[in-house]
Amino acid sequence: MIDLYTWTTPNGRKASIMLEELGLAYKVFPIDIGKGEQMTPAFLALNPNNRIPVIVDPDGPGGSPFTVFESGAILMYLADKTGRLMAKEGAARYVQLQWLMWQMGGFGPMLGQAHHFIRSAKEKIPYAIDRYKDEAKRLYRVMDMRLADAEYLGGEYSVADIATYPWAARHEWHQVDLAQFANVKRWYDAIGARPAVQRGMKVPA
């Protein structure tokens, strides 16, 4: 059984959705980042970068326990472990990986900044709010153009969609109206209807 250290964030939910989609047994260890539990020595021993999620696979490479941090790395690790939800070779694999990297390098970090300056910053800075709201909308336009040509970001349902959906699920936080992006809205509704996604979005309870 895989140990999952996580919290109720988009990055955390990537890992729980992936585990649910794969049907892998896992045990949840909630790490309350609001209380600073990610800074404890026990958690830092798992991830020196003090971020969730983290998994510990008792049956890692060579049959030994193996720890993986960084949500994108976790998705790739689990896909390679099971041979599912990421193409094994060829162009299809790199299409999926480039959209996964698009999420990791842009769609997540930029929306996270929008969340911070819109919702959490002690000082309201109009320049920062406008900058990240505009970038959020630009990224949604990129995704909308991609989904005009493909059912899913990676062509087939894959780690790219699993990584992106939990961030899109907070579209109201970054003040994006999905009605303005018809292809994204179609994709969003389809992903959200998947039972494994619905279960994964509720972790930790």
Protein backbone atom coordinates (compact mmCIF):
# COMPACT_ATOMS: atom_id res chain seq x y z
CA MET A 1 0.00 0.00 0.00
CA ILE A 2 1.35 3.39 -1.04
CA ASP A 3 1.57 6.16 1.56
CA LEU A 4 0.28 9.52 0.33
CA TYR A 5 1.18 12.69 2.20
CA THR A 6 -1.14 15.38 0.95
CA TRP A 7 -3.49 18.29 1.59
CA THR A 8 -6.55 19.87 -0.05
CA THR A 9 -4.67 21.72 -2.80
CA PRO A 10 -4.64 21.27 -6.57
CA ASN A 11 -1.18 19.73 -6.47
CA GLY A 12 -2.19 17.35 -3.72
CA ARG A 13 -5.26 16.29 -5.62
CA LYS A 14 -3.24 15.38 -8.69
CA ALA A 15 -1.73 12.48 -6.76
CA SER A 16 -4.99 11.25 -5.24
CA ILE A 17 -6.79 11.38 -8.60
CA MET A 18 -3.96 9.42 -10.21
CA LEU A 19 -4.04 6.77 -7.48
CA GLU A 20 -7.81 6.49 -7.81
CA GLU A 21 -7.66 6.23 -11.59
CA LEU A 22 -5.09 3.45 -11.33
CA GLY A 23 -6.97 1.61 -8.59
CA LEU A 24 -3.86 1.44 -6.41
CA ALA A 25 -4.27 0.91 -2.68
CA TYR A 26 -3.04 3.88 -0.67
CA LYS A 27 -3.13 5.31 2.82
CA VAL A 28 -3.60 9.04 3.33
CA PHE A 29 -1.50 11.08 5.74
CA PRO A 30 -2.96 14.61 5.86
CA ILE A 31 -0.33 17.36 6.09
CA ASP A 32 -2.07 20.55 7.21
CA ILE A 33 -0.03 23.21 5.48
CA GLY A 34 -2.05 25.93 7.21
CA LYS A 35 -0.59 24.73 10.49
CA GLY A 36 2.93 24.38 9.09
CA GLU A 37 3.02 20.59 9.28
CA GLN A 38 5.07 20.55 6.07
CA MET A 39 7.93 22.06 8.06
CA THR A 40 8.25 19.30 10.64
CA PRO A 41 11.47 17.25 10.67
CA ALA A 42 9.50 14.10 9.86
CA PHE A 43 8.03 15.60 6.70
CA LEU A 44 11.28 17.31 5.65
CA ALA A 45 12.91 13.88 5.76
CA LEU A 46 10.51 12.92 2.96
CA ASN A 47 10.72 16.16 0.99
CA PRO A 48 13.44 18.70 1.80
CA ASN A 49 11.49 21.24 -0.28
CA ASN A 50 8.62 21.14 2.29
CA ARG A 51 5.84 20.76 -0.28
CA ILE A 52 3.02 18.28 -0.68
CA PRO A 53 2.30 15.80 -2.17
CA VAL A 54 4.75 13.02 -1.42
CA ILE A 55 4.31 9.30 -1.94
CA VAL A 56 6.23 6.41 -0.41
CA ASP A 57 5.96 3.22 -2.46
CA PRO A 58 6.95 0.13 -0.44
CA ASP A 59 7.45 -1.72 -3.73
CA GLY A 60 9.68 0.75 -5.52
CA PRO A 61 12.37 0.07 -8.12
CA GLY A 62 14.17 -3.14 -7.29
CA GLY A 63 11.50 -4.00 -4.74
CA SER A 64 12.74 -1.48 -2.19
CA PRO A 65 10.74 1.39 -0.65
CA PHE A 66 10.98 4.53 -2.73
CA THR A 67 9.94 8.12 -1.98
CA VAL A 68 8.78 10.52 -4.71
CA PHE A 69 8.03 14.24 -4.30
CA GLU A 70 6.93 16.86 -6.87
CA SER A 71 3.44 16.23 -8.21
CA GLY A 72 4.51 15.87 -11.85
CA ALA A 73 7.20 13.36 -10.92
CA ILE A 74 4.63 11.39 -8.90
CA LEU A 75 2.30 11.20 -11.90
CA MET A 76 5.11 10.03 -14.17
CA TYR A 77 6.34 7.51 -11.61
CA LEU A 78 2.91 5.96 -11.15
CA ALA A 79 2.27 5.93 -14.90
CA ASP A 80 5.55 4.13 -15.53
CA LYS A 81 4.96 1.76 -12.62
CA THR A 82 1.60 0.64 -13.99
CA GLY A 83 2.01 1.22 -17.71
CA ARG A 84 -1.13 3.35 -17.75
CA LEU A 85 -2.19 6.96 -18.35
CA MET A 86 1.00 7.91 -20.18
CA ALA A 87 2.11 6.60 -23.55
CA LYS A 88 5.14 4.36 -23.24
CA GLU A 89 7.02 5.63 -26.29
CA GLY A 90 6.95 7.63 -29.47
CA ALA A 91 5.36 10.93 -30.35
CA ALA A 92 2.28 10.29 -28.18
CA ARG A 93 4.47 10.14 -25.07
CA TYR A 94 6.11 13.47 -25.80
CA VAL A 95 2.81 15.15 -26.62
CA GLN A 96 1.55 14.13 -23.19
CA LEU A 97 4.79 15.12 -21.48
CA GLN A 98 4.86 18.56 -23.07
CA TRP A 99 1.35 19.31 -21.82
CA LEU A 100 2.27 17.96 -18.40
CA MET A 101 5.26 20.32 -18.39
CA TRP A 102 3.00 23.15 -19.57
CA GLN A 103 0.90 22.62 -16.49
CA MET A 104 3.87 22.28 -14.15
CA GLY A 105 5.70 25.30 -15.53
CA GLY A 106 2.80 27.65 -16.23
CA PHE A 107 -0.80 26.70 -15.55
CA GLY A 108 -0.12 25.80 -11.93
CA PRO A 109 2.43 28.42 -10.87
CA MET A 110 0.72 31.35 -12.59
CA LEU A 111 -2.71 30.46 -11.23
CA GLY A 112 -1.17 30.04 -7.81
CA GLN A 113 0.16 33.57 -8.03
CA ALA A 114 -3.28 34.82 -9.09
CA HIS A 115 -4.80 33.09 -6.06
CA HIS A 116 -2.26 34.69 -3.76
CA PHE A 117 -2.63 38.26 -4.97
CA ILE A 118 -6.42 38.10 -5.42
CA ARG A 119 -7.29 36.23 -2.21
CA SER A 120 -4.42 36.14 0.29
CA ALA A 121 -2.01 39.05 -0.01
CA LYS A 122 -2.15 41.38 2.97
CA GLU A 123 -1.74 44.31 0.59
CA LYS A 124 -3.88 44.56 -2.54
CA ILE A 125 -1.52 45.34 -5.39
CA PRO A 126 -3.50 46.14 -8.56
CA TYR A 127 -0.51 45.60 -10.87
CA ALA A 128 0.11 42.09 -9.52
CA ILE A 129 -3.60 41.20 -9.56
CA ASP A 130 -4.00 42.34 -13.15
CA ARG A 131 -0.77 40.68 -14.26
CA TYR A 132 -1.70 37.23 -12.98
CA LYS A 133 -5.37 37.45 -13.93
CA ASP A 134 -4.31 38.32 -17.48
CA GLU A 135 -1.81 35.46 -17.55
CA ALA A 136 -4.47 33.05 -16.28
CA LYS A 137 -6.76 34.03 -19.14
CA ARG A 138 -3.92 33.68 -21.64
CA LEU A 139 -3.23 30.16 -20.40
CA TYR A 140 -6.91 29.26 -20.69
CA ARG A 141 -6.84 30.52 -24.28
CA VAL A 142 -3.85 28.27 -24.98
CA MET A 143 -5.71 25.31 -23.51
CA ASP A 144 -8.88 26.18 -25.39
CA MET A 145 -7.01 26.21 -28.70
CA ARG A 146 -5.44 22.84 -27.93
CA LEU A 147 -8.80 21.32 -26.96
CA ALA A 148 -10.36 22.57 -30.20
CA ASP A 149 -8.14 20.00 -31.94
CA ALA A 150 -8.06 17.18 -29.37
CA GLU A 151 -10.44 15.59 -26.90
CA TYR A 152 -7.81 15.69 -24.16
CA LEU A 153 -4.63 17.70 -23.67
CA GLY A 154 -2.41 14.74 -24.49
CA GLY A 155 -4.66 13.38 -27.21
CA GLU A 156 -5.89 10.55 -25.02
CA TYR A 157 -6.79 10.95 -21.36
CA SER A 158 -3.47 11.05 -19.52
CA VAL A 159 -1.32 12.50 -16.78
CA ALA A 160 -1.57 15.87 -18.56
CA ASP A 161 -5.30 16.09 -17.87
CA ILE A 162 -4.96 14.77 -14.34
CA ALA A 163 -2.37 17.46 -13.58
CA THR A 164 -4.43 20.27 -15.07
CA TYR A 165 -7.96 19.53 -13.86
CA PRO A 166 -7.52 20.32 -10.13
CA TRP A 167 -6.19 23.77 -11.02
CA ALA A 168 -9.02 24.42 -13.46
CA ALA A 169 -11.41 23.36 -10.69
CA ARG A 170 -10.46 26.60 -8.94
CA HIS A 171 -11.34 28.79 -11.92
CA GLU A 172 -13.51 30.97 -9.70
CA TRP A 173 -10.50 31.67 -7.48
CA HIS A 174 -8.58 33.18 -10.40
CA GLN A 175 -11.73 34.84 -11.77
CA VAL A 176 -11.99 32.93 -15.02
CA ASP A 177 -15.43 32.25 -16.50
CA LEU A 178 -15.33 28.86 -18.23
CA ALA A 179 -18.26 29.92 -20.38
CA GLN A 180 -15.74 32.04 -22.31
CA PHE A 181 -13.74 28.92 -23.21
CA ALA A 182 -16.12 26.43 -24.79
CA ASN A 183 -13.55 23.72 -25.44
CA VAL A 184 -12.16 23.95 -21.92
CA LYS A 185 -15.70 23.78 -20.52
CA ARG A 186 -16.43 20.60 -22.50
CA TRP A 187 -13.17 19.04 -21.27
CA TYR A 188 -13.74 20.22 -17.71
CA ASP A 189 -17.20 18.69 -17.52
CA ALA A 190 -15.99 15.39 -19.00
CA ILE A 191 -13.09 15.09 -16.55
CA GLY A 192 -15.24 16.10 -13.60
CA ALA A 193 -17.75 13.36 -14.42
CA ARG A 194 -15.16 10.60 -13.98
CA PRO A 195 -15.81 8.67 -10.72
CA ALA A 196 -12.09 8.38 -9.94
CA VAL A 197 -11.66 12.12 -10.31
CA GLN A 198 -14.61 12.77 -8.03
CA ARG A 199 -13.11 10.47 -5.38
CA GLY A 200 -9.63 11.93 -5.73
CA MET A 201 -10.90 15.48 -5.37
CA LYS A 202 -12.21 14.61 -1.90
CA VAL A 203 -8.80 13.53 -0.53
CA PRO A 204 -8.03 14.13 2.25
CA ALA A 205 -11.53 14.04 3.65
